[in-house]
Amino acid sequence: MSIFPENISTYGNEIDKLFWLIMLFVGIAFVISLFVLIYPLLRYSQKASPKAQYITGEKKKHFKWVVIALALLLGSDFIILYSEHDAWGQIESAPAKVDVKVGIIARQWNWIFVYPGPDGILNTSDDVIVDEQNSSLHVPINKNIAFELRSQDVIHSFFLANARFKQDVLPGRTVVRWFNLTKEGKYDISCTQICGILHSQMRNFVVVESEDKYKQYIDSLYKANGRAITMK
């Protein structure tokens, strides 16, 4: 049984593998550190311990342990960097085919979702805005969803645990990312940067649905009221 929330993204498994790899190296380092700390406490007592010495670490027999520790640290870092290359390459590079584009704007204390209007182009005058507390971002299943992340005020962080996706959202900067979600349902979106007094209530959702239901939802937005949003 997995300790993580259910994965619904195409690259989620790669993130999970990286987690366990990093956990392995950190766990080994943790055990070694505990041994080095605890063993002398158990091995020696006030009577059995020799007189304390000041060791500079310059002698060969001492310095070699610095070199060994450094080599192990660099080796583990290299393995992690090599293993994460493909995963981060997938996340940070736009897919060859983008099926849906959407804007996501953070503000205290809500996520605003912006859909392209009938012209199909984001950030134009006919964009449709959903700006309601605890609203949902609707996306079609098994489609490449590219989104622009922005902030109106302070630093926020867009976190969709089920997609293994987390990205800081910075004022004055637009970050473009994507995901492809593979299971229908309603999933939590939260902010993981403390962004003010109501940070804990900054909770929205992503609804993954069939393409037909997604089109029906978008059509209902078009029939309602759309307007372009102006960033501060």
Protein backbone atom coordinates (compact mmCIF):
# COMPACT_ATOMS: atom_id res chain seq x y z
CA MET A 1 0.00 0.00 0.00
CA SER A 2 1.39 3.39 -1.01
CA ILE A 3 1.89 6.06 1.65
CA PHE A 4 1.20 8.75 -0.96
CA PRO A 5 -2.12 10.08 -2.28
CA GLU A 6 -3.27 8.26 -5.39
CA ASN A 7 -1.24 9.27 -8.43
CA ILE A 8 -3.30 10.52 -11.40
CA SER A 9 -0.60 12.13 -13.57
CA THR A 10 1.54 10.68 -16.33
CA TYR A 11 4.80 11.69 -14.65
CA GLY A 12 3.75 11.01 -11.05
CA ASN A 13 5.45 7.62 -10.88
CA GLU A 14 8.78 9.21 -11.78
CA ILE A 15 8.41 11.65 -8.88
CA ASP A 16 7.58 8.79 -6.50
CA LYS A 17 10.71 6.89 -7.60
CA LEU A 18 12.83 9.97 -6.95
CA PHE A 19 11.33 10.31 -3.49
CA TRP A 20 12.28 6.76 -2.53
CA LEU A 21 15.76 7.11 -4.01
CA ILE A 22 16.43 10.27 -2.01
CA MET A 23 14.87 8.62 1.05
CA LEU A 24 17.31 5.70 0.68
CA PHE A 25 20.41 7.89 0.68
CA VAL A 26 19.13 10.16 3.45
CA GLY A 27 18.15 7.11 5.52
CA ILE A 28 21.63 5.61 5.21
CA ALA A 29 23.24 8.93 6.16
CA PHE A 30 20.86 9.21 9.13
CA VAL A 31 21.75 5.74 10.45
CA ILE A 32 25.49 6.38 10.09
CA SER A 33 25.16 9.75 11.86
CA LEU A 34 23.26 8.15 14.75
CA PHE A 35 25.89 5.44 15.06
CA VAL A 36 28.73 7.97 15.17
CA LEU A 37 26.84 9.94 17.81
CA ILE A 38 25.55 7.13 20.02
CA TYR A 39 28.38 4.55 19.84
CA PRO A 40 30.88 6.62 21.88
CA LEU A 41 28.23 7.23 24.54
CA LEU A 42 27.71 3.48 24.95
CA ARG A 43 31.32 2.41 24.40
CA TYR A 44 33.02 4.76 26.82
CA SER A 45 32.41 5.92 30.36
CA GLN A 46 34.13 8.47 32.54
CA LYS A 47 36.44 5.78 33.94
CA ALA A 48 37.08 3.89 30.72
CA SER A 49 37.52 6.90 28.44
CA PRO A 50 41.02 8.11 27.63
CA LYS A 51 41.89 11.75 28.15
CA ALA A 52 40.23 13.97 25.56
CA GLN A 53 42.41 15.17 22.70
CA TYR A 54 42.12 18.08 20.33
CA ILE A 55 42.19 16.66 16.80
CA THR A 56 42.78 19.07 13.90
CA GLY A 57 42.04 16.49 11.22
CA GLU A 58 45.25 17.20 9.34
CA LYS A 59 46.85 13.81 9.91
CA LYS A 60 46.36 11.26 7.15
CA LYS A 61 44.46 8.77 9.31
CA HIS A 62 41.98 11.49 10.25
CA PHE A 63 41.79 13.31 6.93
CA LYS A 64 40.93 10.12 5.03
CA TRP A 65 37.52 10.01 6.76
CA VAL A 66 36.77 13.51 5.50
CA VAL A 67 37.64 12.36 1.98
CA ILE A 68 35.53 9.19 2.30
CA ALA A 69 32.51 11.15 3.57
CA LEU A 70 32.90 13.70 0.79
CA ALA A 71 33.17 11.00 -1.87
CA LEU A 72 30.02 9.25 -0.59
CA LEU A 73 28.12 12.54 -0.50
CA LEU A 74 29.17 13.53 -4.02
CA GLY A 75 28.44 10.03 -5.31
CA SER A 76 24.91 10.00 -3.90
CA ASP A 77 24.26 13.52 -5.22
CA PHE A 78 25.44 12.51 -8.68
CA ILE A 79 23.15 9.46 -8.71
CA ILE A 80 20.17 11.59 -7.66
CA LEU A 81 20.92 14.30 -10.23
CA TYR A 82 21.30 11.69 -12.96
CA SER A 83 18.06 9.94 -11.97
CA GLU A 84 16.00 13.12 -11.79
CA HIS A 85 17.09 14.44 -15.19
CA ASP A 86 14.35 12.72 -17.21
CA ALA A 87 11.60 13.51 -14.69
CA TRP A 88 12.36 17.22 -14.51
CA GLY A 89 12.86 17.31 -18.24
CA GLN A 90 9.28 16.08 -18.67
CA ILE A 91 7.81 18.55 -16.18
CA GLU A 92 9.68 21.67 -17.24
CA SER A 93 9.47 21.14 -21.01
CA ALA A 94 6.20 21.78 -22.78
CA PRO A 95 4.80 18.69 -24.52
CA ALA A 96 4.89 18.55 -28.30
CA LYS A 97 1.09 18.71 -28.38
CA VAL A 98 -0.92 20.94 -26.05
CA ASP A 99 -4.63 20.09 -25.94
CA VAL A 100 -5.88 22.71 -23.47
CA LYS A 101 -4.46 26.00 -22.21
CA VAL A 102 -5.61 27.66 -19.01
CA GLY A 103 -4.46 30.49 -16.75
CA ILE A 104 -4.18 30.05 -12.98
CA ILE A 105 -3.89 33.21 -10.88
CA ALA A 106 -3.17 33.19 -7.16
CA ARG A 107 -4.33 35.84 -4.76
CA GLN A 108 -5.10 36.09 -1.06
CA TRP A 109 -6.87 33.70 -0.59
CA ASN A 110 -8.17 31.97 -3.69
CA TRP A 111 -7.11 30.45 -7.00
CA ILE A 112 -8.61 32.16 -10.06
CA PHE A 113 -9.05 30.07 -13.22
CA VAL A 114 -8.96 31.68 -16.66
CA TYR A 115 -10.15 29.79 -19.74
CA PRO A 116 -9.59 30.96 -23.33
CA GLY A 117 -12.71 32.45 -24.91
CA PRO A 118 -14.22 31.39 -28.23
CA ASP A 119 -11.07 32.58 -30.04
CA GLY A 120 -9.12 29.80 -28.31
CA ILE A 121 -6.33 32.21 -27.28
CA LEU A 122 -5.47 32.85 -23.65
CA ASN A 123 -5.07 36.40 -22.29
CA THR A 124 -7.45 38.10 -24.72
CA SER A 125 -10.59 40.13 -24.12
CA ASP A 126 -12.98 37.19 -24.44
CA ASP A 127 -11.33 35.06 -21.74
CA VAL A 128 -13.70 33.43 -19.25
CA ILE A 129 -12.84 33.87 -15.57
CA VAL A 130 -13.91 31.71 -12.66
CA ASP A 131 -13.22 33.73 -9.51
CA GLU A 132 -15.13 32.11 -6.68
CA GLN A 133 -14.06 30.78 -3.31
CA ASN A 134 -13.44 27.00 -3.41
CA SER A 135 -14.10 26.87 -7.16
CA SER A 136 -12.85 24.07 -9.42
CA LEU A 137 -10.52 23.92 -12.39
CA HIS A 138 -12.12 21.65 -15.00
CA VAL A 139 -9.84 19.67 -17.33
CA PRO A 140 -10.45 16.77 -19.72
CA ILE A 141 -8.99 13.38 -18.92
CA ASN A 142 -5.88 12.09 -20.76
CA LYS A 143 -5.13 15.46 -22.34
CA ASN A 144 -2.03 17.63 -22.14
CA ILE A 145 -3.03 20.66 -20.06
CA ALA A 146 -0.66 23.64 -20.26
CA PHE A 147 -1.21 26.37 -17.70
CA GLU A 148 0.24 29.78 -16.89
CA LEU A 149 0.79 30.42 -13.18
CA ARG A 150 0.77 33.99 -11.84
CA SER A 151 0.25 35.81 -8.55
CA GLN A 152 -1.56 39.07 -7.88
CA ASP A 153 -0.04 39.81 -4.49
CA VAL A 154 2.38 37.61 -2.49
CA ILE A 155 4.21 34.32 -3.03
CA HIS A 156 1.85 31.35 -3.25
CA SER A 157 2.50 27.73 -4.18
CA PHE A 158 0.22 25.64 -6.41
CA PHE A 159 0.11 22.08 -5.05
CA LEU A 160 -1.84 19.22 -6.57
CA ALA A 161 -0.74 16.22 -4.52
CA ASN A 162 -2.45 13.64 -6.71
CA ALA A 163 -0.52 14.89 -9.74
CA ARG A 164 2.77 15.13 -7.79
CA PHE A 165 2.93 18.75 -8.88
CA LYS A 166 4.03 21.74 -6.79
CA GLN A 167 5.19 25.10 -8.12
CA ASP A 168 5.81 28.42 -6.36
CA VAL A 169 3.85 31.30 -7.89
CA LEU A 170 5.69 34.64 -7.80
CA PRO A 171 4.38 38.20 -8.25
CA GLY A 172 5.53 39.68 -11.54
CA ARG A 173 6.48 36.33 -13.06
CA THR A 174 4.58 33.90 -15.29
CA VAL A 175 5.51 30.23 -14.93
CA VAL A 176 4.32 27.82 -17.62
CA ARG A 177 3.86 24.18 -16.62
CA TRP A 178 1.71 21.23 -17.69
CA PHE A 179 0.22 17.92 -16.62
CA ASN A 180 -1.81 15.07 -18.07
CA LEU A 181 -4.34 13.59 -15.61
CA THR A 182 -5.43 10.02 -16.10
CA LYS A 183 -8.35 9.42 -13.73
CA GLU A 184 -11.70 11.16 -13.45
CA GLY A 185 -12.60 12.70 -10.12
CA LYS A 186 -12.33 15.77 -7.93
CA TYR A 187 -8.96 16.49 -6.30
CA ASP A 188 -7.65 19.11 -3.86
CA ILE A 189 -5.60 22.12 -4.91
CA SER A 190 -3.86 23.84 -2.02
CA CYS A 191 -1.36 26.60 -1.37
CA THR A 192 1.82 25.44 0.37
CA GLN A 193 3.38 28.85 1.00
CA ILE A 194 2.16 30.69 4.09
CA CYS A 195 0.49 33.62 2.35
CA GLY A 196 -1.39 35.38 5.13
CA ILE A 197 -3.95 34.96 7.86
CA LEU A 198 -6.39 32.87 5.75
CA HIS A 199 -3.70 30.70 4.14
CA SER A 200 -5.28 27.52 5.52
CA GLN A 201 -8.56 28.31 3.74
CA MET A 202 -7.00 28.75 0.31
CA ARG A 203 -8.41 25.53 -1.04
CA ASN A 204 -9.73 24.83 -4.51
CA PHE A 205 -10.17 21.74 -6.66
CA VAL A 206 -9.40 20.25 -10.03
CA VAL A 207 -12.17 18.25 -11.70
CA VAL A 208 -10.98 15.66 -14.20
CA GLU A 209 -13.80 14.62 -16.50
CA SER A 210 -14.57 13.20 -19.91
CA GLU A 211 -14.03 15.42 -22.92
CA ASP A 212 -17.79 15.69 -23.51
CA LYS A 213 -18.44 16.86 -19.94
CA TYR A 214 -15.53 19.28 -20.19
CA LYS A 215 -16.95 20.80 -23.38
CA GLN A 216 -20.36 21.11 -21.77
CA TYR A 217 -18.80 22.94 -18.82
CA ILE A 218 -16.89 25.33 -21.08
CA ASP A 219 -20.02 25.98 -23.15
CA SER A 220 -21.90 26.85 -19.97
CA LEU A 221 -19.20 29.39 -19.11
CA TYR A 222 -19.41 30.95 -22.56
CA LYS A 223 -23.18 31.30 -22.19
CA ALA A 224 -22.72 33.01 -18.85
CA ASN A 225 -20.43 36.03 -18.54
CA GLY A 226 -16.77 36.29 -19.56
CA ARG A 227 -14.36 39.16 -19.18
CA ALA A 228 -10.60 39.71 -19.39
CA ILE A 229 -8.75 39.99 -16.10
CA THR A 230 -6.21 42.74 -15.52
CA MET A 231 -3.16 41.81 -13.45
CA LYS A 232 -2.00 44.24 -10.78
